[in-house]
Structure formats: structure tokens, C-alpha cells
Amino acid sequence: MFIFFLIFVFIHIRVKKLIFVTGTDTGAGKTVLTAMLLAFLRRGGAAALAMKPFCSGSRGDARLLLRLQRESVTLDDVNPFYFDKPLAPAAAAGRGRPGVSRQAALEKIRLLASRCDLLLVEGVGGLLSPLGKGYTIRDLIRRLEGKTIVVCLNRLGVINHVLLTAESLQIAGIKEFTVAMMSVKKPDFSARSNARMIRQMLPLIPVFCLPYLGNRASTARAAKENAKYLKKTLARIVGNDILRMFFHRKKRVG
């Protein structure tokens, strides 16, 4: 029976929607963007959930996501794999802790996805952060087959970081993704032209710029307020195909 259940979950998730939020590096703004997207979607009536399967050093990011959906999930739903050392999960697991298999990670993600219409999955670190034996964030993205968002900070060096991430995604067969550039408190001179250069070098990839959101952007209250303030930009990041699904559903219900 358990095997049939897993098959059902796998088939079911293929017809649902999933957004994977990855980044060019740790601290790129993945959690802030994921939290805003979650607040935006739930405020619009979507049955959306969010999770950060892997956390290392702290569960602060997972707790932020939990506060935005507390009535629907537990902390262990949001973050099933936690390591107390601030290391890549594969390295943390190598310090006397059992590793997490790729299959185990996929099962946790698909299980939560089966409980909602849209699941936001936030990665840890950058695209090639090792999660366990023989697999990375990129491997999860490729197997989950959802929409991919690459988050980065708009500062000197970001063009190289985005292009390397884009090349890595494309090598894995992931041709379509979106870039979300997060502004910093004190932008350097390159911030004026980074987005333009990335658009020129990746002409088929949507690139969006978000303003600096303040020191308290990683709080639930700020996520909700900023989701309202940036609703048009967030809608474009999510994409018309996903929003249209919820719009038509609400019209049918009404």
C-alpha cells in the first residue's frame, strides 16, 4: 500500500505547481523573496505552502516561513532536515550525522506538495551546494520539474554569479528560469547597469529588480507589508501561467 501511495503522490504532484527558489550564493535574499511570494499568494486566495527542506546552523529562515502559514504546517514540515553546524548539509552530515538521501529529500518535498495547490521550495546556499551523497540543489530542481527562480544581490560581481548559475542550470537541461535581483542598502556603481547587462547576455530570461526592503525585511510582518507593496512585481515573478490557474479556479467557485 505504501508503494501505491508514493506512486499516487508522484503522479498528483506532476499536475500541480511548484516553484523552486535558489540563489547565486548564501545570503542572496532567497528567504525574503520566498516569504513575500508566500504572503502574496496566500493573500490572493491561493492554497500555497512554503518549505526550506535543509537548514544549517539555524532554523530562523524556516521559522519565518512557518509564521506565515502556521495554521497549515509544523516546523518539521517546513524544515525536515536540520543540521546545527553552519555548513553545507553534506558536510554537516559528515560530522557524525547521517546523510540525507536524494530520494528522502524528494519524498518530503512531494509529500508537502500533495497538501497544497502551489508549493514554494527554498534552497540552501547556491545551486551546487552539496546536500548529500552525489546530489546538489540543482539535482532537486531538475527532478521536481517546477518553475525556477534565481535570487541574487544587485552588487559588483553579480553578472558573473548569475551567468555561472545560468550555465549550470542550462547544462542540466533547465532552460527556463527567472532572475530576481535584490537591491542592497548601499548600492555600488555597478547596480545601475547590472540588470541591463544580464538581460543582454540572457535575452530569453526574465530579470526583475526589487528595491531595498530594510533591515527588518526578514520578519513576517514585513513580508506581508512588502507583498502588498510589490504585488505587481511579485505577480510577474510568479508568472501568468500559475496566476491564471488560480484566477480561473476562483471564477469557477464564484
C-alpha atoms as a PDB file:
ATOM      1  CA  MET A   1       0.000   0.000   0.000  1.00  0.00           C
ATOM      2  CA  PHE A   2       2.831   2.419   0.821  1.00  0.00           C
ATOM      3  CA  ILE A   3       4.336   1.956  -2.651  1.00  0.00           C
ATOM      4  CA  PHE A   4       0.969   2.728  -4.257  1.00  0.00           C
ATOM      5  CA  PHE A   5       0.690   5.817  -2.046  1.00  0.00           C
ATOM      6  CA  LEU A   6       4.075   7.116  -3.230  1.00  0.00           C
ATOM      7  CA  ILE A   7       3.088   6.491  -6.854  1.00  0.00           C
ATOM      8  CA  PHE A   8      -0.139   8.433  -6.275  1.00  0.00           C
ATOM      9  CA  VAL A   9       1.759  11.324  -4.690  1.00  0.00           C
ATOM     10  CA  PHE A  10       4.237  11.415  -7.579  1.00  0.00           C
ATOM     11  CA  ILE A  11       1.529  11.424 -10.254  1.00  0.00           C
ATOM     12  CA  HIS A  12      -0.507  14.002  -8.324  1.00  0.00           C
ATOM     13  CA  ILE A  13       2.382  16.420  -7.935  1.00  0.00           C
ATOM     14  CA  ARG A  14       3.124  16.398 -11.672  1.00  0.00           C
ATOM     15  CA  VAL A  15      -0.185  18.163 -12.339  1.00  0.00           C
ATOM     16  CA  LYS A  16       0.342  20.688  -9.556  1.00  0.00           C
ATOM     17  CA  LYS A  17       2.617  23.720  -9.477  1.00  0.00           C
ATOM     18  CA  LEU A  18       5.943  24.052  -7.697  1.00  0.00           C
ATOM     19  CA  ILE A  19       8.345  26.979  -7.545  1.00  0.00           C
ATOM     20  CA  PHE A  20      11.955  26.371  -6.507  1.00  0.00           C
ATOM     21  CA  VAL A  21      13.775  29.448  -5.179  1.00  0.00           C
ATOM     22  CA  THR A  22      17.524  29.073  -5.452  1.00  0.00           C
ATOM     23  CA  GLY A  23      20.308  31.649  -5.315  1.00  0.00           C
ATOM     24  CA  THR A  24      23.743  32.593  -6.545  1.00  0.00           C
ATOM     25  CA  ASP A  25      25.090  32.187  -3.008  1.00  0.00           C
ATOM     26  CA  THR A  26      24.103  32.098   0.633  1.00  0.00           C
ATOM     27  CA  GLY A  27      22.648  35.374   1.873  1.00  0.00           C
ATOM     28  CA  ALA A  28      21.343  36.337  -1.576  1.00  0.00           C
ATOM     29  CA  GLY A  29      17.805  37.051  -0.342  1.00  0.00           C
ATOM     30  CA  LYS A  30      16.105  33.710  -1.028  1.00  0.00           C
ATOM     31  CA  THR A  31      14.165  33.652   2.241  1.00  0.00           C
ATOM     32  CA  VAL A  32      12.962  37.243   1.948  1.00  0.00           C
ATOM     33  CA  LEU A  33      11.680  36.617  -1.575  1.00  0.00           C
ATOM     34  CA  THR A  34      10.130  33.241  -0.674  1.00  0.00           C
ATOM     35  CA  ALA A  35       8.334  34.803   2.300  1.00  0.00           C
ATOM     36  CA  MET A  36       6.955  37.638   0.164  1.00  0.00           C
ATOM     37  CA  LEU A  37       5.797  35.242  -2.540  1.00  0.00           C
ATOM     38  CA  LEU A  38       4.067  33.091   0.073  1.00  0.00           C
ATOM     39  CA  ALA A  39       2.328  36.102   1.632  1.00  0.00           C
ATOM     40  CA  PHE A  40       1.321  37.412  -1.800  1.00  0.00           C
ATOM     41  CA  LEU A  41      -0.120  34.092  -2.975  1.00  0.00           C
ATOM     42  CA  ARG A  42      -1.998  33.305   0.237  1.00  0.00           C
ATOM     43  CA  ARG A  43      -3.413  36.834   0.402  1.00  0.00           C
ATOM     44  CA  GLY A  44      -4.713  36.304  -3.115  1.00  0.00           C
ATOM     45  CA  GLY A  45      -6.528  33.137  -2.085  1.00  0.00           C
ATOM     46  CA  ALA A  46      -4.075  30.534  -3.378  1.00  0.00           C
ATOM     47  CA  ALA A  47      -3.682  27.349  -1.340  1.00  0.00           C
ATOM     48  CA  ALA A  48       0.079  27.876  -1.213  1.00  0.00           C
ATOM     49  CA  LEU A  49       2.652  26.487   1.211  1.00  0.00           C
ATOM     50  CA  ALA A  50       6.399  27.013   1.530  1.00  0.00           C
ATOM     51  CA  MET A  51       9.270  24.944   2.865  1.00  0.00           C
ATOM     52  CA  LYS A  52      13.029  25.077   3.263  1.00  0.00           C
ATOM     53  CA  PRO A  53      13.957  21.375   3.291  1.00  0.00           C
ATOM     54  CA  PHE A  54      17.542  21.940   4.501  1.00  0.00           C
ATOM     55  CA  CYS A  55      18.741  24.341   7.198  1.00  0.00           C
ATOM     56  CA  SER A  56      22.242  24.503   8.655  1.00  0.00           C
ATOM     57  CA  GLY A  57      23.305  26.451  11.732  1.00  0.00           C
ATOM     58  CA  SER A  58      19.888  27.980  12.386  1.00  0.00           C
ATOM     59  CA  ARG A  59      16.232  27.370  11.643  1.00  0.00           C
ATOM     60  CA  GLY A  60      15.494  31.090  11.544  1.00  0.00           C
ATOM     61  CA  ASP A  61      14.580  31.052   7.853  1.00  0.00           C
ATOM     62  CA  ALA A  62      12.231  28.117   8.358  1.00  0.00           C
ATOM     63  CA  ARG A  63      10.611  29.795  11.377  1.00  0.00           C
ATOM     64  CA  LEU A  64       9.887  32.887   9.282  1.00  0.00           C
ATOM     65  CA  LEU A  65       8.117  30.763   6.671  1.00  0.00           C
ATOM     66  CA  LEU A  66       6.273  28.935   9.453  1.00  0.00           C
ATOM     67  CA  ARG A  67       4.894  32.189  10.878  1.00  0.00           C
ATOM     68  CA  LEU A  68       3.267  32.928   7.535  1.00  0.00           C
ATOM     69  CA  GLN A  69       1.448  29.577   7.383  1.00  0.00           C
ATOM     70  CA  ARG A  70       1.336  28.409  10.989  1.00  0.00           C
ATOM     71  CA  GLU A  71      -2.234  27.096  10.793  1.00  0.00           C
ATOM     72  CA  SER A  72      -1.306  24.732   7.934  1.00  0.00           C
ATOM     73  CA  VAL A  73       2.094  23.211   8.753  1.00  0.00           C
ATOM     74  CA  THR A  74       4.564  22.395  11.522  1.00  0.00           C
ATOM     75  CA  LEU A  75       8.219  23.419  11.753  1.00  0.00           C
ATOM     76  CA  ASP A  76       9.251  19.901  10.759  1.00  0.00           C
ATOM     77  CA  ASP A  77       7.022  20.134   7.679  1.00  0.00           C
ATOM     78  CA  VAL A  78       8.734  23.357   6.676  1.00  0.00           C
ATOM     79  CA  ASN A  79      12.233  22.127   7.550  1.00  0.00           C
ATOM     80  CA  PRO A  80      12.514  18.330   7.723  1.00  0.00           C
ATOM     81  CA  PHE A  81      16.348  18.265   7.620  1.00  0.00           C
ATOM     82  CA  TYR A  82      18.210  20.420  10.144  1.00  0.00           C
ATOM     83  CA  PHE A  83      21.932  20.483  10.988  1.00  0.00           C
ATOM     84  CA  ASP A  84      23.204  22.542  13.889  1.00  0.00           C
ATOM     85  CA  LYS A  85      26.547  23.468  12.275  1.00  0.00           C
ATOM     86  CA  PRO A  86      26.679  26.292   9.672  1.00  0.00           C
ATOM     87  CA  LEU A  87      27.967  24.063   6.894  1.00  0.00           C
ATOM     88  CA  ALA A  88      26.678  22.723   3.603  1.00  0.00           C
ATOM     89  CA  PRO A  89      24.281  19.880   4.515  1.00  0.00           C
ATOM     90  CA  ALA A  90      26.550  17.180   3.082  1.00  0.00           C
ATOM     91  CA  ALA A  91      29.481  18.485   5.133  1.00  0.00           C
ATOM     92  CA  ALA A  92      27.353  18.824   8.271  1.00  0.00           C
ATOM     93  CA  ALA A  93      26.090  15.260   7.851  1.00  0.00           C
ATOM     94  CA  GLY A  94      29.665  14.055   7.599  1.00  0.00           C
ATOM     95  CA  ARG A  95      30.386  15.165  11.180  1.00  0.00           C
ATOM     96  CA  GLY A  96      28.851  12.118  12.794  1.00  0.00           C
ATOM     97  CA  ARG A  97      25.343  12.775  11.491  1.00  0.00           C
ATOM     98  CA  PRO A  98      23.578  10.508   8.993  1.00  0.00           C
ATOM     99  CA  GLY A  99      23.278  11.922   5.495  1.00  0.00           C
ATOM    100  CA  VAL A 100      20.010  12.667   3.710  1.00  0.00           C
ATOM    101  CA  SER A 101      19.447  10.693   0.527  1.00  0.00           C
ATOM    102  CA  ARG A 102      18.138  12.362  -2.588  1.00  0.00           C
ATOM    103  CA  GLN A 103      15.083  10.126  -2.512  1.00  0.00           C
ATOM    104  CA  ALA A 104      14.320  11.074   1.093  1.00  0.00           C
ATOM    105  CA  ALA A 105      14.539  14.779   0.218  1.00  0.00           C
ATOM    106  CA  LEU A 106      12.283  14.386  -2.821  1.00  0.00           C
ATOM    107  CA  GLU A 107       9.722  12.407  -0.838  1.00  0.00           C
ATOM    108  CA  LYS A 108       9.461  15.117   1.829  1.00  0.00           C
ATOM    109  CA  ILE A 109       9.006  17.812  -0.812  1.00  0.00           C
ATOM    110  CA  ARG A 110       6.429  15.851  -2.801  1.00  0.00           C
ATOM    111  CA  LEU A 111       4.530  14.923   0.330  1.00  0.00           C
ATOM    112  CA  LEU A 112       4.050  18.566   1.339  1.00  0.00           C
ATOM    113  CA  ALA A 113       3.270  19.483  -2.264  1.00  0.00           C
ATOM    114  CA  SER A 114       0.423  16.963  -2.206  1.00  0.00           C
ATOM    115  CA  ARG A 115      -1.222  19.057   0.532  1.00  0.00           C
ATOM    116  CA  CYS A 116      -1.469  22.295  -1.462  1.00  0.00           C
ATOM    117  CA  ASP A 117      -2.026  23.753  -4.902  1.00  0.00           C
ATOM    118  CA  LEU A 118       1.332  25.508  -5.062  1.00  0.00           C
ATOM    119  CA  LEU A 119       4.497  24.749  -3.099  1.00  0.00           C
ATOM    120  CA  LEU A 120       7.396  27.173  -2.764  1.00  0.00           C
ATOM    121  CA  VAL A 121      10.664  25.363  -2.083  1.00  0.00           C
ATOM    122  CA  GLU A 122      13.620  27.413  -0.878  1.00  0.00           C
ATOM    123  CA  GLY A 123      17.080  26.019  -1.412  1.00  0.00           C
ATOM    124  CA  VAL A 124      20.130  26.407   0.800  1.00  0.00           C
ATOM    125  CA  GLY A 125      23.271  28.210  -0.338  1.00  0.00           C
ATOM    126  CA  GLY A 126      23.896  28.239  -4.074  1.00  0.00           C
ATOM    127  CA  LEU A 127      22.881  25.959  -6.899  1.00  0.00           C
ATOM    128  CA  LEU A 128      25.702  23.457  -6.421  1.00  0.00           C
ATOM    129  CA  SER A 129      25.575  23.289  -2.634  1.00  0.00           C
ATOM    130  CA  PRO A 130      26.077  19.593  -1.772  1.00  0.00           C
ATOM    131  CA  LEU A 131      23.055  18.211   0.054  1.00  0.00           C
ATOM    132  CA  GLY A 132      24.036  14.567   0.363  1.00  0.00           C
ATOM    133  CA  LYS A 133      25.998  11.844  -1.334  1.00  0.00           C
ATOM    134  CA  GLY A 134      26.088  12.569  -5.053  1.00  0.00           C
ATOM    135  CA  TYR A 135      23.467  15.310  -5.332  1.00  0.00           C
ATOM    136  CA  THR A 136      23.035  19.073  -5.081  1.00  0.00           C
ATOM    137  CA  ILE A 137      20.298  21.705  -5.159  1.00  0.00           C
ATOM    138  CA  ARG A 138      20.418  21.509  -8.958  1.00  0.00           C
ATOM    139  CA  ASP A 139      19.553  17.809  -8.866  1.00  0.00           C
ATOM    140  CA  LEU A 140      16.417  18.510  -6.835  1.00  0.00           C
ATOM    141  CA  ILE A 141      15.343  21.263  -9.217  1.00  0.00           C
ATOM    142  CA  ARG A 142      15.804  19.010 -12.234  1.00  0.00           C
ATOM    143  CA  ARG A 143      13.774  16.172 -10.747  1.00  0.00           C
ATOM    144  CA  LEU A 144      10.962  18.326  -9.370  1.00  0.00           C
ATOM    145  CA  GLU A 145      10.367  19.986 -12.746  1.00  0.00           C
ATOM    146  CA  GLY A 146       8.820  23.171 -11.380  1.00  0.00           C
ATOM    147  CA  LYS A 147       9.413  26.851 -12.052  1.00  0.00           C
ATOM    148  CA  THR A 148      12.886  28.061 -11.024  1.00  0.00           C
ATOM    149  CA  ILE A 149      13.740  31.474  -9.591  1.00  0.00           C
ATOM    150  CA  VAL A 150      17.382  32.519  -9.150  1.00  0.00           C
ATOM    151  CA  VAL A 151      17.840  35.182  -6.449  1.00  0.00           C
ATOM    152  CA  CYS A 152      20.905  37.418  -6.320  1.00  0.00           C
ATOM    153  CA  LEU A 153      22.126  40.649  -4.749  1.00  0.00           C
ATOM    154  CA  ASN A 154      22.490  43.593  -7.118  1.00  0.00           C
ATOM    155  CA  ARG A 155      26.123  44.478  -6.496  1.00  0.00           C
ATOM    156  CA  LEU A 156      29.548  44.181  -8.091  1.00  0.00           C
ATOM    157  CA  GLY A 157      30.197  40.612  -9.256  1.00  0.00           C
ATOM    158  CA  VAL A 158      26.567  39.647  -9.721  1.00  0.00           C
ATOM    159  CA  ILE A 159      26.824  39.381 -13.519  1.00  0.00           C
ATOM    160  CA  ASN A 160      29.439  36.650 -13.230  1.00  0.00           C
ATOM    161  CA  HIS A 161      27.489  34.860 -10.488  1.00  0.00           C
ATOM    162  CA  VAL A 162      24.228  34.902 -12.459  1.00  0.00           C
ATOM    163  CA  LEU A 163      25.867  33.753 -15.694  1.00  0.00           C
ATOM    164  CA  LEU A 164      27.619  30.873 -13.934  1.00  0.00           C
ATOM    165  CA  THR A 165      24.344  29.830 -12.317  1.00  0.00           C
ATOM    166  CA  ALA A 166      22.528  30.128 -15.642  1.00  0.00           C
ATOM    167  CA  GLU A 167      25.145  27.992 -17.383  1.00  0.00           C
ATOM    168  CA  SER A 168      24.906  25.348 -14.679  1.00  0.00           C
ATOM    169  CA  LEU A 169      21.119  25.229 -14.976  1.00  0.00           C
ATOM    170  CA  GLN A 170      21.256  25.003 -18.752  1.00  0.00           C
ATOM    171  CA  ILE A 171      23.827  22.204 -18.669  1.00  0.00           C
ATOM    172  CA  ALA A 172      21.350  20.252 -16.531  1.00  0.00           C
ATOM    173  CA  GLY A 173      18.609  20.843 -19.100  1.00  0.00           C
ATOM    174  CA  ILE A 174      16.842  23.601 -17.161  1.00  0.00           C
ATOM    175  CA  LYS A 175      16.421  26.185 -19.908  1.00  0.00           C
ATOM    176  CA  GLU A 176      13.679  28.341 -18.418  1.00  0.00           C
ATOM    177  CA  PHE A 177      14.126  30.263 -15.183  1.00  0.00           C
ATOM    178  CA  THR A 178      13.650  33.744 -13.755  1.00  0.00           C
ATOM    179  CA  VAL A 179      16.204  36.055 -12.140  1.00  0.00           C
ATOM    180  CA  ALA A 180      15.205  38.210  -9.156  1.00  0.00           C
ATOM    181  CA  MET A 181      17.732  40.881  -8.201  1.00  0.00           C
ATOM    182  CA  MET A 182      17.568  42.161  -4.623  1.00  0.00           C
ATOM    183  CA  SER A 183      18.829  45.688  -4.001  1.00  0.00           C
ATOM    184  CA  VAL A 184      21.243  46.358  -1.138  1.00  0.00           C
ATOM    185  CA  LYS A 185      21.255  49.190   1.401  1.00  0.00           C
ATOM    186  CA  LYS A 186      24.247  50.973  -0.111  1.00  0.00           C
ATOM    187  CA  PRO A 187      24.362  50.094  -3.815  1.00  0.00           C
ATOM    188  CA  ASP A 188      27.674  50.400  -5.607  1.00  0.00           C
ATOM    189  CA  PHE A 189      28.161  51.950  -9.047  1.00  0.00           C
ATOM    190  CA  SER A 190      27.589  48.629 -10.840  1.00  0.00           C
ATOM    191  CA  ALA A 191      23.990  48.397  -9.574  1.00  0.00           C
ATOM    192  CA  ARG A 192      22.938  50.877 -12.262  1.00  0.00           C
ATOM    193  CA  SER A 193      23.895  48.582 -15.130  1.00  0.00           C
ATOM    194  CA  ASN A 194      23.898  45.022 -13.759  1.00  0.00           C
ATOM    195  CA  ALA A 195      20.318  44.196 -14.733  1.00  0.00           C
ATOM    196  CA  ARG A 196      20.767  45.648 -18.220  1.00  0.00           C
ATOM    197  CA  MET A 197      23.924  43.602 -18.792  1.00  0.00           C
ATOM    198  CA  ILE A 198      22.306  40.388 -17.561  1.00  0.00           C
ATOM    199  CA  ARG A 199      19.308  40.952 -19.847  1.00  0.00           C
ATOM    200  CA  GLN A 200      21.661  41.467 -22.787  1.00  0.00           C
ATOM    201  CA  MET A 201      23.588  38.273 -22.058  1.00  0.00           C
ATOM    202  CA  LEU A 202      20.494  36.205 -21.215  1.00  0.00           C
ATOM    203  CA  PRO A 203      17.947  37.691 -23.636  1.00  0.00           C
ATOM    204  CA  LEU A 204      15.339  34.942 -23.136  1.00  0.00           C
ATOM    205  CA  ILE A 205      15.410  35.068 -19.326  1.00  0.00           C
ATOM    206  CA  PRO A 206      13.060  37.368 -17.357  1.00  0.00           C
ATOM    207  CA  VAL A 207      15.015  39.617 -14.980  1.00  0.00           C
ATOM    208  CA  PHE A 208      13.256  41.547 -12.204  1.00  0.00           C
ATOM    209  CA  CYS A 209      14.687  44.116  -9.797  1.00  0.00           C
ATOM    210  CA  LEU A 210      13.332  44.568  -6.283  1.00  0.00           C
ATOM    211  CA  PRO A 211      14.089  47.610  -4.101  1.00  0.00           C
ATOM    212  CA  TYR A 212      15.961  47.545  -0.824  1.00  0.00           C
ATOM    213  CA  LEU A 213      13.388  46.463   1.765  1.00  0.00           C
ATOM    214  CA  GLY A 214      15.047  47.493   5.013  1.00  0.00           C
ATOM    215  CA  ASN A 215      16.817  45.792   7.886  1.00  0.00           C
ATOM    216  CA  ARG A 216      13.644  44.068   9.088  1.00  0.00           C
ATOM    217  CA  ALA A 217      12.661  42.546   5.747  1.00  0.00           C
ATOM    218  CA  SER A 218      13.069  39.041   7.146  1.00  0.00           C
ATOM    219  CA  THR A 219      10.106  39.324   9.521  1.00  0.00           C
ATOM    220  CA  ALA A 220       6.594  38.018   8.913  1.00  0.00           C
ATOM    221  CA  ARG A 221       5.051  41.464   9.272  1.00  0.00           C
ATOM    222  CA  ALA A 222       7.457  42.989   6.758  1.00  0.00           C
ATOM    223  CA  ALA A 223       6.884  40.102   4.338  1.00  0.00           C
ATOM    224  CA  LYS A 224       3.134  40.759   4.378  1.00  0.00           C
ATOM    225  CA  GLU A 225       3.522  44.523   4.018  1.00  0.00           C
ATOM    226  CA  ASN A 226       6.109  44.236   1.250  1.00  0.00           C
ATOM    227  CA  ALA A 227       3.977  41.648  -0.544  1.00  0.00           C
ATOM    228  CA  LYS A 228       1.233  44.268  -0.827  1.00  0.00           C
ATOM    229  CA  TYR A 229       3.681  46.996  -1.826  1.00  0.00           C
ATOM    230  CA  LEU A 230       5.318  44.827  -4.519  1.00  0.00           C
ATOM    231  CA  LYS A 231       2.282  42.843  -5.635  1.00  0.00           C
ATOM    232  CA  LYS A 232       2.657  43.715  -9.322  1.00  0.00           C
ATOM    233  CA  THR A 233       6.315  42.698  -9.412  1.00  0.00           C
ATOM    234  CA  LEU A 234       5.642  39.516  -7.443  1.00  0.00           C
ATOM    235  CA  ALA A 235       2.816  38.633  -9.807  1.00  0.00           C
ATOM    236  CA  ARG A 236       5.191  38.925 -12.752  1.00  0.00           C
ATOM    237  CA  ILE A 237       7.800  36.811 -10.969  1.00  0.00           C
ATOM    238  CA  VAL A 238       5.258  34.079 -10.252  1.00  0.00           C
ATOM    239  CA  GLY A 239       4.153  34.168 -13.877  1.00  0.00           C
ATOM    240  CA  ASN A 240       0.856  34.394 -15.701  1.00  0.00           C
ATOM    241  CA  ASP A 241       0.543  30.629 -16.173  1.00  0.00           C
ATOM    242  CA  ILE A 242       0.400  29.992 -12.428  1.00  0.00           C
ATOM    243  CA  LEU A 243      -1.728  33.046 -11.586  1.00  0.00           C
ATOM    244  CA  ARG A 244      -4.164  32.184 -14.356  1.00  0.00           C
ATOM    245  CA  MET A 245      -4.741  28.784 -12.778  1.00  0.00           C
ATOM    246  CA  PHE A 246      -5.857  30.382  -9.504  1.00  0.00           C
ATOM    247  CA  PHE A 247      -7.838  33.135 -11.267  1.00  0.00           C
ATOM    248  CA  HIS A 248      -9.884  30.651 -13.263  1.00  0.00           C
ATOM    249  CA  ARG A 249     -10.447  28.497 -10.184  1.00  0.00           C
ATOM    250  CA  LYS A 250     -11.757  31.468  -8.190  1.00  0.00           C
ATOM    251  CA  LYS A 251     -14.067  32.411 -11.060  1.00  0.00           C
ATOM    252  CA  ARG A 252     -15.489  28.885 -11.179  1.00  0.00           C
ATOM    253  CA  VAL A 253     -16.020  28.868  -7.417  1.00  0.00           C
ATOM    254  CA  GLY A 254     -17.676  32.300  -7.557  1.00  0.00           C
END
